[in-house]
C-alpha atoms as a PDB file:
ATOM      1  CA  MET A   1     150.291  42.546  68.080  1.00  0.00           C
ATOM      2  CA  LYS A   2     153.504  40.812  67.292  1.00  0.00           C
ATOM      3  CA  ILE A   3     153.264  42.098  63.994  1.00  0.00           C
ATOM      4  CA  PHE A   4     153.182  45.878  65.209  1.00  0.00           C
ATOM      5  CA  LYS A   5     156.237  45.162  67.414  1.00  0.00           C
ATOM      6  CA  ILE A   6     158.011  44.030  64.367  1.00  0.00           C
ATOM      7  CA  ILE A   7     156.956  46.884  62.180  1.00  0.00           C
ATOM      8  CA  GLY A   8     157.946  49.440  65.161  1.00  0.00           C
ATOM      9  CA  LEU A   9     161.409  47.857  65.490  1.00  0.00           C
ATOM     10  CA  ILE A  10     161.959  48.077  61.510  1.00  0.00           C
ATOM     11  CA  GLY A  11     160.844  51.647  61.482  1.00  0.00           C
ATOM     12  CA  LEU A  12     163.097  52.481  64.447  1.00  0.00           C
ATOM     13  CA  VAL A  13     166.196  50.813  62.556  1.00  0.00           C
ATOM     14  CA  VAL A  14     165.054  52.805  59.556  1.00  0.00           C
ATOM     15  CA  PHE A  15     164.918  56.104  61.447  1.00  0.00           C
ATOM     16  CA  SER A  16     168.422  55.217  63.303  1.00  0.00           C
ATOM     17  CA  VAL A  17     170.284  54.552  59.995  1.00  0.00           C
ATOM     18  CA  SER A  18     168.934  57.589  58.457  1.00  0.00           C
ATOM     19  CA  LEU A  19     170.136  59.771  61.401  1.00  0.00           C
ATOM     20  CA  HIS A  20     173.543  57.936  61.326  1.00  0.00           C
ATOM     21  CA  ALA A  21     173.865  58.900  57.689  1.00  0.00           C
ATOM     22  CA  ALA A  22     172.811  62.215  57.748  1.00  0.00           C
ATOM     23  CA  LYS A  23     175.237  63.111  60.157  1.00  0.00           C
ATOM     24  CA  TYR A  24     177.980  61.933  58.030  1.00  0.00           C
ATOM     25  CA  ASP A  25     176.641  63.401  54.892  1.00  0.00           C
ATOM     26  CA  LYS A  26     176.480  66.893  55.756  1.00  0.00           C
ATOM     27  CA  LYS A  27     177.587  69.022  53.058  1.00  0.00           C
ATOM     28  CA  VAL A  28     179.970  71.874  53.775  1.00  0.00           C
ATOM     29  CA  ASP A  29     178.747  75.305  53.022  1.00  0.00           C
ATOM     30  CA  PRO A  30     182.177  77.353  52.227  1.00  0.00           C
ATOM     31  CA  THR A  31     180.383  80.464  53.076  1.00  0.00           C
ATOM     32  CA  GLU A  32     179.515  79.462  56.457  1.00  0.00           C
ATOM     33  CA  LEU A  33     182.698  78.306  57.056  1.00  0.00           C
ATOM     34  CA  TYR A  34     184.515  81.124  55.998  1.00  0.00           C
ATOM     35  CA  GLU A  35     182.097  83.324  58.298  1.00  0.00           C
ATOM     36  CA  LYS A  36     182.692  81.215  61.202  1.00  0.00           C
ATOM     37  CA  ALA A  37     186.321  81.475  60.923  1.00  0.00           C
ATOM     38  CA  THR A  38     186.433  85.184  60.625  1.00  0.00           C
ATOM     39  CA  ASN A  39     184.036  85.424  63.727  1.00  0.00           C
ATOM     40  CA  HIS A  40     186.629  83.316  65.658  1.00  0.00           C
ATOM     41  CA  LEU A  41     189.498  85.452  64.624  1.00  0.00           C
ATOM     42  CA  LYS A  42     187.547  88.641  65.579  1.00  0.00           C
ATOM     43  CA  LYS A  43     187.392  87.039  69.026  1.00  0.00           C
ATOM     44  CA  GLU A  44     191.097  85.738  68.795  1.00  0.00           C
ATOM     45  CA  GLU A  45     190.035  82.279  68.955  1.00  0.00           C
ATOM     46  CA  TYR A  46     192.842  81.254  66.844  1.00  0.00           C
ATOM     47  CA  ARG A  47     192.757  77.141  67.305  1.00  0.00           C
ATOM     48  CA  LYS A  48     188.830  77.343  66.605  1.00  0.00           C
ATOM     49  CA  ALA A  49     189.711  79.470  63.698  1.00  0.00           C
ATOM     50  CA  LEU A  50     192.257  77.093  62.526  1.00  0.00           C
ATOM     51  CA  ARG A  51     189.903  73.956  62.657  1.00  0.00           C
ATOM     52  CA  VAL A  52     187.671  75.923  60.522  1.00  0.00           C
ATOM     53  CA  LEU A  53     189.898  77.410  58.077  1.00  0.00           C
ATOM     54  CA  GLY A  54     191.456  73.561  57.603  1.00  0.00           C
ATOM     55  CA  LYS A  55     187.875  72.633  56.366  1.00  0.00           C
ATOM     56  CA  TYR A  56     187.500  75.840  54.249  1.00  0.00           C
ATOM     57  CA  THR A  57     190.859  75.493  52.277  1.00  0.00           C
ATOM     58  CA  LYS A  58     189.790  71.778  51.577  1.00  0.00           C
ATOM     59  CA  SER A  59     186.642  72.894  50.165  1.00  0.00           C
ATOM     60  CA  LYS A  60     188.000  75.635  48.311  1.00  0.00           C
ATOM     61  CA  PRO A  61     191.604  75.120  47.688  1.00  0.00           C
ATOM     62  CA  LYS A  62     191.823  77.507  44.949  1.00  0.00           C
ATOM     63  CA  ASP A  63     190.813  80.592  47.342  1.00  0.00           C
ATOM     64  CA  ALA A  64     193.707  82.756  47.825  1.00  0.00           C
ATOM     65  CA  ASP A  65     192.042  84.711  50.631  1.00  0.00           C
ATOM     66  CA  GLY A  66     191.167  81.506  52.546  1.00  0.00           C
ATOM     67  CA  TRP A  67     195.043  80.733  52.314  1.00  0.00           C
ATOM     68  CA  THR A  68     196.168  83.855  53.732  1.00  0.00           C
ATOM     69  CA  LEU A  69     193.540  83.774  56.540  1.00  0.00           C
ATOM     70  CA  TYR A  70     195.066  80.029  57.118  1.00  0.00           C
ATOM     71  CA  ALA A  71     198.507  81.464  57.162  1.00  0.00           C
ATOM     72  CA  PHE A  72     197.593  84.431  59.517  1.00  0.00           C
ATOM     73  CA  THR A  73     196.037  81.969  62.129  1.00  0.00           C
ATOM     74  CA  GLN A  74     199.041  79.991  61.954  1.00  0.00           C
ATOM     75  CA  ARG A  75     201.327  82.860  62.548  1.00  0.00           C
ATOM     76  CA  LYS A  76     199.176  84.244  65.411  1.00  0.00           C
ATOM     77  CA  LEU A  77     199.760  80.639  66.945  1.00  0.00           C
ATOM     78  CA  ASN A  78     203.411  80.873  66.490  1.00  0.00           C
ATOM     79  CA  ASN A  79     203.320  78.177  63.465  1.00  0.00           C
ATOM     80  CA  TYR A  80     205.742  80.223  61.559  1.00  0.00           C
ATOM     81  CA  LYS A  81     206.902  77.413  58.994  1.00  0.00           C
ATOM     82  CA  LYS A  82     203.165  76.254  58.443  1.00  0.00           C
ATOM     83  CA  ALA A  83     202.340  80.023  58.172  1.00  0.00           C
ATOM     84  CA  GLU A  84     205.042  80.704  55.538  1.00  0.00           C
ATOM     85  CA  ALA A  85     203.781  77.656  53.554  1.00  0.00           C
ATOM     86  CA  ASN A  86     200.237  78.941  53.235  1.00  0.00           C
ATOM     87  CA  TYR A  87     201.388  82.531  52.534  1.00  0.00           C
ATOM     88  CA  GLU A  88     203.590  80.834  49.538  1.00  0.00           C
ATOM     89  CA  LYS A  89     200.237  78.790  48.481  1.00  0.00           C
ATOM     90  CA  ALA A  90     198.079  82.064  48.712  1.00  0.00           C
ATOM     91  CA  LEU A  91     200.729  83.534  46.486  1.00  0.00           C
ATOM     92  CA  GLN A  92     200.779  80.791  43.972  1.00  0.00           C
ATOM     93  CA  LEU A  93     197.208  81.529  43.448  1.00  0.00           C
ATOM     94  CA  ASP A  94     197.091  85.145  43.649  1.00  0.00           C
ATOM     95  CA  PRO A  95     200.847  86.734  43.188  1.00  0.00           C
ATOM     96  CA  LYS A  96     199.396  90.248  43.534  1.00  0.00           C
ATOM     97  CA  ASN A  97     197.612  89.286  46.840  1.00  0.00           C
ATOM     98  CA  LYS A  98     198.396  92.094  48.890  1.00  0.00           C
ATOM     99  CA  ILE A  99     197.780  90.783  52.380  1.00  0.00           C
ATOM    100  CA  ALA A 100     199.711  87.784  51.616  1.00  0.00           C
ATOM    101  CA  LEU A 101     202.655  89.874  50.373  1.00  0.00           C
ATOM    102  CA  GLU A 102     202.701  92.035  53.368  1.00  0.00           C
ATOM    103  CA  TYR A 103     202.402  89.655  56.073  1.00  0.00           C
ATOM    104  CA  GLN A 104     205.193  87.338  54.230  1.00  0.00           C
END
């Protein structure tokens, strides 16, 4: 009986560690983040969009459109200096980015 309790406890510990590791080892899907951000923007949920776009631009740092959306969101939240910096980042990546040029 005692051996079964020990095996059960070991199994529980292994299961708990696996769950904890899975929580922090999640891979970020950039496409999913982009879609989530645009959905927040459609609903004018700018703070939520900002958090998601922060993650998106970290996962895809060379995506000018991501930086443009990030800048747009900052602008909507009246963070004009941050918006300007993000528009500049977008234009460094794509100097012909029409949306970034228009909003900047």
